[in-house]
Amino acid sequence: MFERFGLSREEYARLRALKTPERIQAFLDCDIAYNLEPSGPTCYSPRVALRKNTSHCMEGALLAAAALRVLGYPPLILDLESVRDDDHVVAVYKARGCWGAVAKSDYSGLRIRDPVYRTLRELVMTYFPHYYNLKGEKTLRAYSTRPVNLAKFDKRGWMTSEEDVWYIPESLYGVHHTRLLTAAQERALKPMDRRLFEAGRHGGVAH
């Protein structure tokens, strides 16, 4: 008897058909619209995000973690903390001893990472040059020291809840974060290169 984690047969089949992290990313990019929350802030469970075919960064990370779980990976997320900007959350996984990531973002550089990074810091630092606000400031400052295993929320039905799962992003405030830069490095940061700025916004949605 296989584990469906509370998902319906149809939901499970939809995620199982993705088969690889790369296909999960393509699904997030092409089949799941970016959730602009027109009626107010949301934090959809994977079930609701699937039904509505929409997600923002947090919801996309949860959906990606659920899809990775269906493929046999632990459902892990990593929080990227910023200044003067929104935080970003990615679903992470290990393959052949190295870390990779899948994510939903309307910034093109904040999405998938191949599983070639030996440490989480290595992985996170690849996001640094692509993580910026609309003023062109580089804003990534810290990351959760360890991934959060969403299995800890199984009793609350995080994968299938019809209610918003705000308890997950709220829990990230209590997770230890590791700083990426010294104070001197922060002061020395230069604004974004204009070409990289424009490349990162390619395909972005209007807020």
C-alpha atoms as a PDB file:
ATOM      1  CA  MET A   1       0.000   0.000   0.000  1.00  0.00           C
ATOM      2  CA  PHE A   2       1.682   3.225  -1.104  1.00  0.00           C
ATOM      3  CA  GLU A   3       1.457   6.479   0.869  1.00  0.00           C
ATOM      4  CA  ARG A   4      -0.592   9.275  -0.704  1.00  0.00           C
ATOM      5  CA  PHE A   5      -0.119  11.656   2.268  1.00  0.00           C
ATOM      6  CA  GLY A   6      -3.846  12.444   2.325  1.00  0.00           C
ATOM      7  CA  LEU A   7      -3.900  13.509  -1.328  1.00  0.00           C
ATOM      8  CA  SER A   8      -6.703  12.326  -3.558  1.00  0.00           C
ATOM      9  CA  ARG A   9      -5.876   9.817  -6.269  1.00  0.00           C
ATOM     10  CA  GLU A  10      -6.063  12.591  -8.864  1.00  0.00           C
ATOM     11  CA  GLU A  11      -3.843  14.982  -6.876  1.00  0.00           C
ATOM     12  CA  TYR A  12      -1.284  12.270  -6.234  1.00  0.00           C
ATOM     13  CA  ALA A  13      -1.222  11.242  -9.887  1.00  0.00           C
ATOM     14  CA  ARG A  14      -0.783  14.855 -11.001  1.00  0.00           C
ATOM     15  CA  LEU A  15       2.290  15.280  -8.806  1.00  0.00           C
ATOM     16  CA  ARG A  16       3.675  11.795  -9.442  1.00  0.00           C
ATOM     17  CA  ALA A  17       3.589  12.444 -13.175  1.00  0.00           C
ATOM     18  CA  LEU A  18       6.180  15.202 -12.772  1.00  0.00           C
ATOM     19  CA  LYS A  19       8.861  12.508 -12.153  1.00  0.00           C
ATOM     20  CA  THR A  20      11.896  14.804 -11.638  1.00  0.00           C
ATOM     21  CA  PRO A  21      12.757  18.096  -9.878  1.00  0.00           C
ATOM     22  CA  GLU A  22      13.245  19.654 -13.322  1.00  0.00           C
ATOM     23  CA  ARG A  23       9.694  18.745 -14.306  1.00  0.00           C
ATOM     24  CA  ILE A  24       8.412  20.107 -11.003  1.00  0.00           C
ATOM     25  CA  GLN A  25      10.101  23.415 -11.831  1.00  0.00           C
ATOM     26  CA  ALA A  26       8.629  23.447 -15.342  1.00  0.00           C
ATOM     27  CA  PHE A  27       5.208  22.784 -13.812  1.00  0.00           C
ATOM     28  CA  LEU A  28       5.594  25.727 -11.417  1.00  0.00           C
ATOM     29  CA  ASP A  29       6.801  27.975 -14.239  1.00  0.00           C
ATOM     30  CA  CYS A  30       4.325  27.031 -16.956  1.00  0.00           C
ATOM     31  CA  ASP A  31       1.200  25.561 -15.347  1.00  0.00           C
ATOM     32  CA  ILE A  32       0.944  27.451 -12.049  1.00  0.00           C
ATOM     33  CA  ALA A  33       0.210  31.161 -12.384  1.00  0.00           C
ATOM     34  CA  TYR A  34       1.876  33.625 -10.041  1.00  0.00           C
ATOM     35  CA  ASN A  35      -0.530  34.430  -7.210  1.00  0.00           C
ATOM     36  CA  LEU A  36      -0.848  38.204  -6.872  1.00  0.00           C
ATOM     37  CA  GLU A  37      -3.303  37.766  -3.977  1.00  0.00           C
ATOM     38  CA  PRO A  38      -5.978  40.122  -5.404  1.00  0.00           C
ATOM     39  CA  SER A  39      -8.305  39.465  -2.457  1.00  0.00           C
ATOM     40  CA  GLY A  40      -5.631  39.750   0.216  1.00  0.00           C
ATOM     41  CA  PRO A  41      -2.711  37.692   1.541  1.00  0.00           C
ATOM     42  CA  THR A  42      -2.963  33.920   1.212  1.00  0.00           C
ATOM     43  CA  CYS A  43      -0.924  30.889   2.209  1.00  0.00           C
ATOM     44  CA  TYR A  44      -2.473  28.042   0.249  1.00  0.00           C
ATOM     45  CA  SER A  45      -1.766  24.404   0.993  1.00  0.00           C
ATOM     46  CA  PRO A  46      -0.519  22.316  -1.948  1.00  0.00           C
ATOM     47  CA  ARG A  47      -4.064  20.968  -2.427  1.00  0.00           C
ATOM     48  CA  VAL A  48      -5.560  24.443  -2.792  1.00  0.00           C
ATOM     49  CA  ALA A  49      -2.686  25.698  -4.955  1.00  0.00           C
ATOM     50  CA  LEU A  50      -3.209  22.719  -7.269  1.00  0.00           C
ATOM     51  CA  ARG A  51      -6.937  23.317  -7.470  1.00  0.00           C
ATOM     52  CA  LYS A  52      -6.576  27.032  -8.147  1.00  0.00           C
ATOM     53  CA  ASN A  53      -3.491  26.591 -10.372  1.00  0.00           C
ATOM     54  CA  THR A  54      -1.800  29.529  -8.667  1.00  0.00           C
ATOM     55  CA  SER A  55       0.871  30.160  -6.066  1.00  0.00           C
ATOM     56  CA  HIS A  56       3.323  32.787  -4.886  1.00  0.00           C
ATOM     57  CA  CYS A  57       6.803  32.082  -3.522  1.00  0.00           C
ATOM     58  CA  MET A  58       5.760  30.488  -0.214  1.00  0.00           C
ATOM     59  CA  GLU A  59       2.901  28.514  -1.722  1.00  0.00           C
ATOM     60  CA  GLY A  60       5.136  27.408  -4.581  1.00  0.00           C
ATOM     61  CA  ALA A  61       7.780  26.132  -2.152  1.00  0.00           C
ATOM     62  CA  LEU A  62       5.125  24.113  -0.317  1.00  0.00           C
ATOM     63  CA  LEU A  63       3.769  22.714  -3.571  1.00  0.00           C
ATOM     64  CA  ALA A  64       7.294  21.838  -4.741  1.00  0.00           C
ATOM     65  CA  ALA A  65       8.065  20.173  -1.389  1.00  0.00           C
ATOM     66  CA  ALA A  66       4.872  18.117  -1.669  1.00  0.00           C
ATOM     67  CA  ALA A  67       5.760  17.076  -5.216  1.00  0.00           C
ATOM     68  CA  LEU A  68       9.293  16.137  -4.161  1.00  0.00           C
ATOM     69  CA  ARG A  69       7.820  14.087  -1.325  1.00  0.00           C
ATOM     70  CA  VAL A  70       5.649  12.160  -3.745  1.00  0.00           C
ATOM     71  CA  LEU A  71       8.850  11.374  -5.695  1.00  0.00           C
ATOM     72  CA  GLY A  72      10.478   9.998  -2.544  1.00  0.00           C
ATOM     73  CA  TYR A  73      12.382  13.002  -1.188  1.00  0.00           C
ATOM     74  CA  PRO A  74      11.811  14.482   2.287  1.00  0.00           C
ATOM     75  CA  PRO A  75       9.609  17.625   2.103  1.00  0.00           C
ATOM     76  CA  LEU A  76      12.243  20.269   2.939  1.00  0.00           C
ATOM     77  CA  ILE A  77      12.105  24.054   2.630  1.00  0.00           C
ATOM     78  CA  LEU A  78      14.798  26.685   3.154  1.00  0.00           C
ATOM     79  CA  ASP A  79      14.137  30.307   4.095  1.00  0.00           C
ATOM     80  CA  LEU A  80      16.162  33.089   2.464  1.00  0.00           C
ATOM     81  CA  GLU A  81      16.059  36.275   4.539  1.00  0.00           C
ATOM     82  CA  SER A  82      16.437  39.739   3.059  1.00  0.00           C
ATOM     83  CA  VAL A  83      16.483  43.436   3.925  1.00  0.00           C
ATOM     84  CA  ARG A  84      14.211  46.017   2.273  1.00  0.00           C
ATOM     85  CA  ASP A  85      12.680  43.170   0.291  1.00  0.00           C
ATOM     86  CA  ASP A  86      10.476  40.083   0.573  1.00  0.00           C
ATOM     87  CA  ASP A  87      11.980  36.898   1.967  1.00  0.00           C
ATOM     88  CA  HIS A  88      12.129  33.936  -0.406  1.00  0.00           C
ATOM     89  CA  VAL A  89      11.466  30.260   0.326  1.00  0.00           C
ATOM     90  CA  VAL A  90      12.726  27.357  -1.769  1.00  0.00           C
ATOM     91  CA  ALA A  91      12.163  23.606  -1.642  1.00  0.00           C
ATOM     92  CA  VAL A  92      15.497  21.790  -1.345  1.00  0.00           C
ATOM     93  CA  TYR A  93      16.544  18.210  -1.931  1.00  0.00           C
ATOM     94  CA  LYS A  94      19.689  16.096  -2.053  1.00  0.00           C
ATOM     95  CA  ALA A  95      20.883  13.939  -4.943  1.00  0.00           C
ATOM     96  CA  ARG A  96      24.184  12.060  -4.893  1.00  0.00           C
ATOM     97  CA  GLY A  97      25.175  13.920  -1.741  1.00  0.00           C
ATOM     98  CA  CYS A  98      24.649  17.427  -3.124  1.00  0.00           C
ATOM     99  CA  TRP A  99      21.908  20.019  -2.680  1.00  0.00           C
ATOM    100  CA  GLY A 100      19.518  21.297  -5.322  1.00  0.00           C
ATOM    101  CA  ALA A 101      16.421  23.502  -5.189  1.00  0.00           C
ATOM    102  CA  VAL A 102      13.055  24.165  -6.817  1.00  0.00           C
ATOM    103  CA  ALA A 103      11.192  27.445  -6.358  1.00  0.00           C
ATOM    104  CA  LYS A 104       8.392  29.706  -7.546  1.00  0.00           C
ATOM    105  CA  SER A 105       9.364  33.294  -8.286  1.00  0.00           C
ATOM    106  CA  ASP A 106       8.650  36.035 -10.771  1.00  0.00           C
ATOM    107  CA  TYR A 107      12.393  36.808 -10.725  1.00  0.00           C
ATOM    108  CA  SER A 108      14.001  34.496 -13.265  1.00  0.00           C
ATOM    109  CA  GLY A 109      17.190  33.995 -11.239  1.00  0.00           C
ATOM    110  CA  LEU A 110      15.459  32.805  -8.058  1.00  0.00           C
ATOM    111  CA  ARG A 111      14.151  29.475  -9.270  1.00  0.00           C
ATOM    112  CA  ILE A 112      15.741  26.063  -9.892  1.00  0.00           C
ATOM    113  CA  ARG A 113      19.252  25.003  -8.894  1.00  0.00           C
ATOM    114  CA  ASP A 114      20.861  21.764 -10.058  1.00  0.00           C
ATOM    115  CA  PRO A 115      21.901  19.360  -7.263  1.00  0.00           C
ATOM    116  CA  VAL A 116      25.635  20.155  -7.451  1.00  0.00           C
ATOM    117  CA  TYR A 117      26.179  22.155  -4.246  1.00  0.00           C
ATOM    118  CA  ARG A 118      28.047  20.444  -1.420  1.00  0.00           C
ATOM    119  CA  THR A 119      26.642  22.710   1.297  1.00  0.00           C
ATOM    120  CA  LEU A 120      23.546  24.807   1.795  1.00  0.00           C
ATOM    121  CA  ARG A 121      25.706  27.937   1.927  1.00  0.00           C
ATOM    122  CA  GLU A 122      27.093  27.127  -1.523  1.00  0.00           C
ATOM    123  CA  LEU A 123      23.545  26.750  -2.790  1.00  0.00           C
ATOM    124  CA  VAL A 124      22.284  29.935  -1.157  1.00  0.00           C
ATOM    125  CA  MET A 125      25.170  32.060  -2.441  1.00  0.00           C
ATOM    126  CA  THR A 126      24.140  31.287  -6.027  1.00  0.00           C
ATOM    127  CA  TYR A 127      20.988  33.293  -5.330  1.00  0.00           C
ATOM    128  CA  PHE A 128      22.882  36.328  -4.042  1.00  0.00           C
ATOM    129  CA  PRO A 129      23.564  38.136  -7.371  1.00  0.00           C
ATOM    130  CA  HIS A 130      19.965  37.548  -8.480  1.00  0.00           C
ATOM    131  CA  TYR A 131      18.278  38.657  -5.263  1.00  0.00           C
ATOM    132  CA  TYR A 132      17.468  42.365  -5.441  1.00  0.00           C
ATOM    133  CA  ASN A 133      14.655  44.857  -4.995  1.00  0.00           C
ATOM    134  CA  LEU A 134      13.215  47.210  -7.590  1.00  0.00           C
ATOM    135  CA  LYS A 135      15.701  49.906  -6.539  1.00  0.00           C
ATOM    136  CA  GLY A 136      18.513  47.632  -7.678  1.00  0.00           C
ATOM    137  CA  GLU A 137      19.804  46.907  -4.166  1.00  0.00           C
ATOM    138  CA  LYS A 138      21.242  43.433  -3.487  1.00  0.00           C
ATOM    139  CA  THR A 139      19.124  42.348  -0.553  1.00  0.00           C
ATOM    140  CA  LEU A 140      19.850  38.718   0.451  1.00  0.00           C
ATOM    141  CA  ARG A 141      21.365  38.594   3.946  1.00  0.00           C
ATOM    142  CA  ALA A 142      20.774  35.221   5.664  1.00  0.00           C
ATOM    143  CA  TYR A 143      19.353  31.733   5.327  1.00  0.00           C
ATOM    144  CA  SER A 144      17.842  29.182   7.680  1.00  0.00           C
ATOM    145  CA  THR A 145      20.791  27.190   8.981  1.00  0.00           C
ATOM    146  CA  ARG A 146      19.006  23.888   8.484  1.00  0.00           C
ATOM    147  CA  PRO A 147      16.143  23.009   6.143  1.00  0.00           C
ATOM    148  CA  VAL A 148      12.707  22.761   7.746  1.00  0.00           C
ATOM    149  CA  ASN A 149      11.193  19.300   7.318  1.00  0.00           C
ATOM    150  CA  LEU A 150       7.495  19.862   6.680  1.00  0.00           C
ATOM    151  CA  ALA A 151       6.714  16.361   7.933  1.00  0.00           C
ATOM    152  CA  LYS A 152       6.586  18.004  11.374  1.00  0.00           C
ATOM    153  CA  PHE A 153       3.298  19.569  10.251  1.00  0.00           C
ATOM    154  CA  ASP A 154       1.707  16.343   9.007  1.00  0.00           C
ATOM    155  CA  LYS A 155      -0.694  16.192  11.959  1.00  0.00           C
ATOM    156  CA  ARG A 156      -2.011  19.595  10.898  1.00  0.00           C
ATOM    157  CA  GLY A 157      -2.565  18.395   7.334  1.00  0.00           C
ATOM    158  CA  TRP A 158      -0.307  20.947   5.654  1.00  0.00           C
ATOM    159  CA  MET A 159      -0.503  19.189   2.281  1.00  0.00           C
ATOM    160  CA  THR A 160      -4.293  18.986   2.078  1.00  0.00           C
ATOM    161  CA  SER A 161      -5.703  21.725   4.303  1.00  0.00           C
ATOM    162  CA  GLU A 162      -8.566  23.782   2.925  1.00  0.00           C
ATOM    163  CA  GLU A 163      -7.540  26.585   5.278  1.00  0.00           C
ATOM    164  CA  ASP A 164      -4.465  28.760   4.798  1.00  0.00           C
ATOM    165  CA  VAL A 165      -1.367  27.235   6.410  1.00  0.00           C
ATOM    166  CA  TRP A 166       0.049  30.422   7.931  1.00  0.00           C
ATOM    167  CA  TYR A 167       1.598  28.404  10.746  1.00  0.00           C
ATOM    168  CA  ILE A 168       4.362  27.309   8.349  1.00  0.00           C
ATOM    169  CA  PRO A 169       5.765  30.752   7.402  1.00  0.00           C
ATOM    170  CA  GLU A 170       5.192  31.893  10.985  1.00  0.00           C
ATOM    171  CA  SER A 171       7.341  29.007  12.205  1.00  0.00           C
ATOM    172  CA  LEU A 172      10.253  30.242  10.097  1.00  0.00           C
ATOM    173  CA  TYR A 173      10.667  33.274  12.381  1.00  0.00           C
ATOM    174  CA  GLY A 174      11.790  30.914  15.132  1.00  0.00           C
ATOM    175  CA  VAL A 175      14.341  29.055  12.996  1.00  0.00           C
ATOM    176  CA  HIS A 176      18.014  29.948  13.423  1.00  0.00           C
ATOM    177  CA  HIS A 177      19.412  31.849  10.438  1.00  0.00           C
ATOM    178  CA  THR A 178      23.033  32.173   9.320  1.00  0.00           C
ATOM    179  CA  ARG A 179      24.286  35.552   8.118  1.00  0.00           C
ATOM    180  CA  LEU A 180      25.931  35.644   4.699  1.00  0.00           C
ATOM    181  CA  LEU A 181      27.818  38.951   4.849  1.00  0.00           C
ATOM    182  CA  THR A 182      29.899  40.921   7.314  1.00  0.00           C
ATOM    183  CA  ALA A 183      28.944  44.519   8.081  1.00  0.00           C
ATOM    184  CA  ALA A 184      31.897  45.720   5.992  1.00  0.00           C
ATOM    185  CA  GLN A 185      30.787  43.600   3.033  1.00  0.00           C
ATOM    186  CA  GLU A 186      27.270  45.013   3.278  1.00  0.00           C
ATOM    187  CA  ARG A 187      28.573  48.590   3.229  1.00  0.00           C
ATOM    188  CA  ALA A 188      30.718  47.828   0.180  1.00  0.00           C
ATOM    189  CA  LEU A 189      27.885  46.380  -1.938  1.00  0.00           C
ATOM    190  CA  LYS A 190      27.379  48.027  -5.322  1.00  0.00           C
ATOM    191  CA  PRO A 191      24.021  48.420  -7.082  1.00  0.00           C
ATOM    192  CA  MET A 192      22.853  45.796  -9.545  1.00  0.00           C
ATOM    193  CA  ASP A 193      24.292  45.745 -13.044  1.00  0.00           C
ATOM    194  CA  ARG A 194      21.495  47.056 -15.254  1.00  0.00           C
ATOM    195  CA  ARG A 195      21.642  44.142 -17.697  1.00  0.00           C
ATOM    196  CA  LEU A 196      21.423  41.562 -14.930  1.00  0.00           C
ATOM    197  CA  PHE A 197      18.579  43.562 -13.353  1.00  0.00           C
ATOM    198  CA  GLU A 198      16.613  43.472 -16.593  1.00  0.00           C
ATOM    199  CA  ALA A 199      17.397  39.800 -17.201  1.00  0.00           C
ATOM    200  CA  GLY A 200      16.109  38.918 -13.727  1.00  0.00           C
ATOM    201  CA  ARG A 201      12.823  40.667 -14.418  1.00  0.00           C
ATOM    202  CA  HIS A 202      12.302  38.865 -17.744  1.00  0.00           C
ATOM    203  CA  GLY A 203       8.880  37.275 -17.600  1.00  0.00           C
ATOM    204  CA  GLY A 204       8.081  38.894 -14.270  1.00  0.00           C
ATOM    205  CA  VAL A 205       4.547  39.900 -13.331  1.00  0.00           C
ATOM    206  CA  ALA A 206       3.350  43.373 -12.458  1.00  0.00           C
ATOM    207  CA  HIS A 207       2.678  43.876  -8.748  1.00  0.00           C
END
